[in-house]
């Protein structure tokens, strides 16, 4: 049983920083590719960032490029999202997800974490 648990969210002022963590367990053959997806109130999901199973290849949405950094822990069972220079528009529930075959407009993912709130406000 694959499980993903996010942590590290909260309230931060504009221009501040926050680091999200996604702890994975229950993988039989390795964790594989993973992404962060966010959903703002009243809006649909938005893909944020992706990291390959090798832990090196990464990609970002234009809206967060240069401000967010995705990475994997040395054990490859934890994925991080370092968020710097945060803006009010970054306010959303953030989810980590494993890449899979259940596709939507924002990506193809099979397993999701429970989501964690990030609020950027003065």
C-alpha atoms as a PDB file:
ATOM      1  CA  UNK A   1       0.000   0.000   0.000  1.00  0.00           C
ATOM      2  CA  UNK A   2       1.513   3.274  -1.135  1.00  0.00           C
ATOM      3  CA  UNK A   3       1.064   6.183   1.235  1.00  0.00           C
ATOM      4  CA  UNK A   4       2.128   9.804   0.955  1.00  0.00           C
ATOM      5  CA  UNK A   5       2.048  12.233   3.864  1.00  0.00           C
ATOM      6  CA  UNK A   6       2.728  15.952   3.450  1.00  0.00           C
ATOM      7  CA  UNK A   7       4.003  18.234   6.175  1.00  0.00           C
ATOM      8  CA  UNK A   8       5.554  21.670   6.608  1.00  0.00           C
ATOM      9  CA  UNK A   9       2.717  23.925   5.524  1.00  0.00           C
ATOM     10  CA  UNK A  10       1.347  26.904   7.364  1.00  0.00           C
ATOM     11  CA  UNK A  11       1.027  30.671   7.292  1.00  0.00           C
ATOM     12  CA  UNK A  12       3.831  32.813   5.928  1.00  0.00           C
ATOM     13  CA  UNK A  13       4.180  36.471   4.991  1.00  0.00           C
ATOM     14  CA  UNK A  14       4.701  37.547   1.384  1.00  0.00           C
ATOM     15  CA  UNK A  15       8.351  37.214   0.493  1.00  0.00           C
ATOM     16  CA  UNK A  16       8.849  34.517   3.084  1.00  0.00           C
ATOM     17  CA  UNK A  17       9.880  30.897   2.703  1.00  0.00           C
ATOM     18  CA  UNK A  18       8.436  27.524   3.526  1.00  0.00           C
ATOM     19  CA  UNK A  19       9.563  23.948   2.954  1.00  0.00           C
ATOM     20  CA  UNK A  20       7.079  21.184   2.306  1.00  0.00           C
ATOM     21  CA  UNK A  21       7.924  17.536   2.853  1.00  0.00           C
ATOM     22  CA  UNK A  22       6.302  14.439   1.419  1.00  0.00           C
ATOM     23  CA  UNK A  23       7.109  11.168   3.152  1.00  0.00           C
ATOM     24  CA  UNK A  24       6.427   8.058   1.099  1.00  0.00           C
ATOM     25  CA  UNK A  25       6.001   4.477   2.244  1.00  0.00           C
ATOM     26  CA  UNK A  26       4.749   1.154   0.920  1.00  0.00           C
ATOM     27  CA  UNK A  27       6.605   1.197  -2.400  1.00  0.00           C
ATOM     28  CA  UNK A  28       7.608  -2.249  -3.606  1.00  0.00           C
ATOM     29  CA  UNK A  29       9.824  -1.286  -6.538  1.00  0.00           C
ATOM     30  CA  UNK A  30      10.880   2.219  -5.672  1.00  0.00           C
ATOM     31  CA  UNK A  31       9.072   5.513  -5.419  1.00  0.00           C
ATOM     32  CA  UNK A  32       9.378   6.582  -9.053  1.00  0.00           C
ATOM     33  CA  UNK A  33       8.627  10.021 -10.460  1.00  0.00           C
ATOM     34  CA  UNK A  34       6.749  12.441  -8.235  1.00  0.00           C
ATOM     35  CA  UNK A  35       5.152  15.853  -8.487  1.00  0.00           C
ATOM     36  CA  UNK A  36       3.684  18.611  -6.401  1.00  0.00           C
ATOM     37  CA  UNK A  37       0.232  19.843  -7.389  1.00  0.00           C
ATOM     38  CA  UNK A  38      -1.678  22.674  -5.758  1.00  0.00           C
ATOM     39  CA  UNK A  39      -5.268  23.829  -5.683  1.00  0.00           C
ATOM     40  CA  UNK A  40      -6.285  27.335  -4.719  1.00  0.00           C
ATOM     41  CA  UNK A  41      -9.745  28.047  -3.294  1.00  0.00           C
ATOM     42  CA  UNK A  42     -12.375  27.950  -6.020  1.00  0.00           C
ATOM     43  CA  UNK A  43      -9.890  26.876  -8.674  1.00  0.00           C
ATOM     44  CA  UNK A  44      -8.846  23.652 -10.307  1.00  0.00           C
ATOM     45  CA  UNK A  45      -5.620  21.780  -9.625  1.00  0.00           C
ATOM     46  CA  UNK A  46      -2.402  23.297 -10.926  1.00  0.00           C
ATOM     47  CA  UNK A  47       0.750  21.327 -11.511  1.00  0.00           C
ATOM     48  CA  UNK A  48       3.680  22.919  -9.695  1.00  0.00           C
ATOM     49  CA  UNK A  49       6.802  20.780  -9.995  1.00  0.00           C
ATOM     50  CA  UNK A  50       8.082  17.353 -10.991  1.00  0.00           C
ATOM     51  CA  UNK A  51      11.098  15.300 -10.035  1.00  0.00           C
ATOM     52  CA  UNK A  52      12.345  12.179 -11.758  1.00  0.00           C
ATOM     53  CA  UNK A  53      13.011   8.942  -9.917  1.00  0.00           C
ATOM     54  CA  UNK A  54      16.732   9.556 -10.352  1.00  0.00           C
ATOM     55  CA  UNK A  55      16.422  12.615  -8.146  1.00  0.00           C
ATOM     56  CA  UNK A  56      18.149  14.895 -10.635  1.00  0.00           C
ATOM     57  CA  UNK A  57      15.761  15.758 -13.469  1.00  0.00           C
ATOM     58  CA  UNK A  58      13.300  18.422 -12.368  1.00  0.00           C
ATOM     59  CA  UNK A  59      10.765  20.757 -13.917  1.00  0.00           C
ATOM     60  CA  UNK A  60       8.606  23.645 -12.742  1.00  0.00           C
ATOM     61  CA  UNK A  61       5.535  25.597 -13.675  1.00  0.00           C
ATOM     62  CA  UNK A  62       6.341  29.045 -15.018  1.00  0.00           C
ATOM     63  CA  UNK A  63       4.533  30.617 -12.090  1.00  0.00           C
ATOM     64  CA  UNK A  64       7.016  29.185  -9.570  1.00  0.00           C
ATOM     65  CA  UNK A  65      10.187  28.850 -11.628  1.00  0.00           C
ATOM     66  CA  UNK A  66      13.120  30.501  -9.917  1.00  0.00           C
ATOM     67  CA  UNK A  67      11.333  30.562  -6.569  1.00  0.00           C
ATOM     68  CA  UNK A  68      10.561  26.898  -5.814  1.00  0.00           C
ATOM     69  CA  UNK A  69      12.959  23.969  -5.709  1.00  0.00           C
ATOM     70  CA  UNK A  70      11.971  20.312  -5.677  1.00  0.00           C
ATOM     71  CA  UNK A  71      14.367  17.696  -4.346  1.00  0.00           C
ATOM     72  CA  UNK A  72      14.567  14.180  -2.957  1.00  0.00           C
ATOM     73  CA  UNK A  73      16.082  12.988   0.270  1.00  0.00           C
ATOM     74  CA  UNK A  74      19.103  10.742   0.152  1.00  0.00           C
ATOM     75  CA  UNK A  75      16.942   7.701   0.873  1.00  0.00           C
ATOM     76  CA  UNK A  76      14.628   8.653  -2.031  1.00  0.00           C
ATOM     77  CA  UNK A  77      11.539   8.145   0.117  1.00  0.00           C
ATOM     78  CA  UNK A  78      11.034  11.834   0.850  1.00  0.00           C
ATOM     79  CA  UNK A  79      10.358  14.649  -1.594  1.00  0.00           C
ATOM     80  CA  UNK A  80      10.741  18.287  -0.643  1.00  0.00           C
ATOM     81  CA  UNK A  81       9.450  21.527  -2.066  1.00  0.00           C
ATOM     82  CA  UNK A  82      11.432  24.553  -0.958  1.00  0.00           C
ATOM     83  CA  UNK A  83       9.315  27.646  -1.565  1.00  0.00           C
ATOM     84  CA  UNK A  84      10.992  31.039  -1.508  1.00  0.00           C
ATOM     85  CA  UNK A  85       9.777  34.552  -2.285  1.00  0.00           C
ATOM     86  CA  UNK A  86       6.238  33.439  -1.644  1.00  0.00           C
ATOM     87  CA  UNK A  87       3.349  35.439  -3.052  1.00  0.00           C
ATOM     88  CA  UNK A  88      -0.315  35.601  -2.040  1.00  0.00           C
ATOM     89  CA  UNK A  89      -1.122  33.791  -5.298  1.00  0.00           C
ATOM     90  CA  UNK A  90       0.798  30.801  -3.943  1.00  0.00           C
ATOM     91  CA  UNK A  91      -1.920  30.285  -1.343  1.00  0.00           C
ATOM     92  CA  UNK A  92      -3.354  26.826  -1.934  1.00  0.00           C
ATOM     93  CA  UNK A  93      -3.570  23.285  -0.698  1.00  0.00           C
ATOM     94  CA  UNK A  94      -0.436  21.500  -1.846  1.00  0.00           C
ATOM     95  CA  UNK A  95      -0.408  17.806  -2.689  1.00  0.00           C
ATOM     96  CA  UNK A  96       2.403  15.436  -3.507  1.00  0.00           C
ATOM     97  CA  UNK A  97       1.575  12.668  -5.944  1.00  0.00           C
ATOM     98  CA  UNK A  98       3.187   9.721  -7.678  1.00  0.00           C
ATOM     99  CA  UNK A  99       3.270   9.722 -11.444  1.00  0.00           C
ATOM    100  CA  UNK A 100       0.915   7.164 -12.945  1.00  0.00           C
ATOM    101  CA  UNK A 101      -1.784   6.533 -15.515  1.00  0.00           C
ATOM    102  CA  UNK A 102      -4.804   8.365 -14.092  1.00  0.00           C
ATOM    103  CA  UNK A 103      -4.545  11.466 -16.263  1.00  0.00           C
ATOM    104  CA  UNK A 104      -6.174  14.867 -16.037  1.00  0.00           C
ATOM    105  CA  UNK A 105      -5.377  18.186 -17.683  1.00  0.00           C
ATOM    106  CA  UNK A 106      -2.834  18.924 -14.979  1.00  0.00           C
ATOM    107  CA  UNK A 107      -0.985  15.607 -15.124  1.00  0.00           C
ATOM    108  CA  UNK A 108      -1.066  11.839 -14.671  1.00  0.00           C
ATOM    109  CA  UNK A 109      -0.905  10.653 -11.086  1.00  0.00           C
ATOM    110  CA  UNK A 110      -2.004   7.537  -9.206  1.00  0.00           C
ATOM    111  CA  UNK A 111      -1.387   8.125  -5.508  1.00  0.00           C
ATOM    112  CA  UNK A 112      -1.947  11.364  -3.634  1.00  0.00           C
ATOM    113  CA  UNK A 113      -1.101  12.679  -0.224  1.00  0.00           C
ATOM    114  CA  UNK A 114      -3.765  14.218   1.967  1.00  0.00           C
ATOM    115  CA  UNK A 115      -2.767  17.756   1.057  1.00  0.00           C
ATOM    116  CA  UNK A 116      -1.415  20.543   3.219  1.00  0.00           C
ATOM    117  CA  UNK A 117      -2.444  24.189   3.440  1.00  0.00           C
ATOM    118  CA  UNK A 118      -0.057  26.970   2.508  1.00  0.00           C
ATOM    119  CA  UNK A 119      -1.295  30.486   3.186  1.00  0.00           C
ATOM    120  CA  UNK A 120       0.684  33.537   2.108  1.00  0.00           C
ATOM    121  CA  UNK A 121      -0.721  36.641   3.738  1.00  0.00           C
ATOM    122  CA  UNK A 122       0.222  39.698   5.747  1.00  0.00           C
END
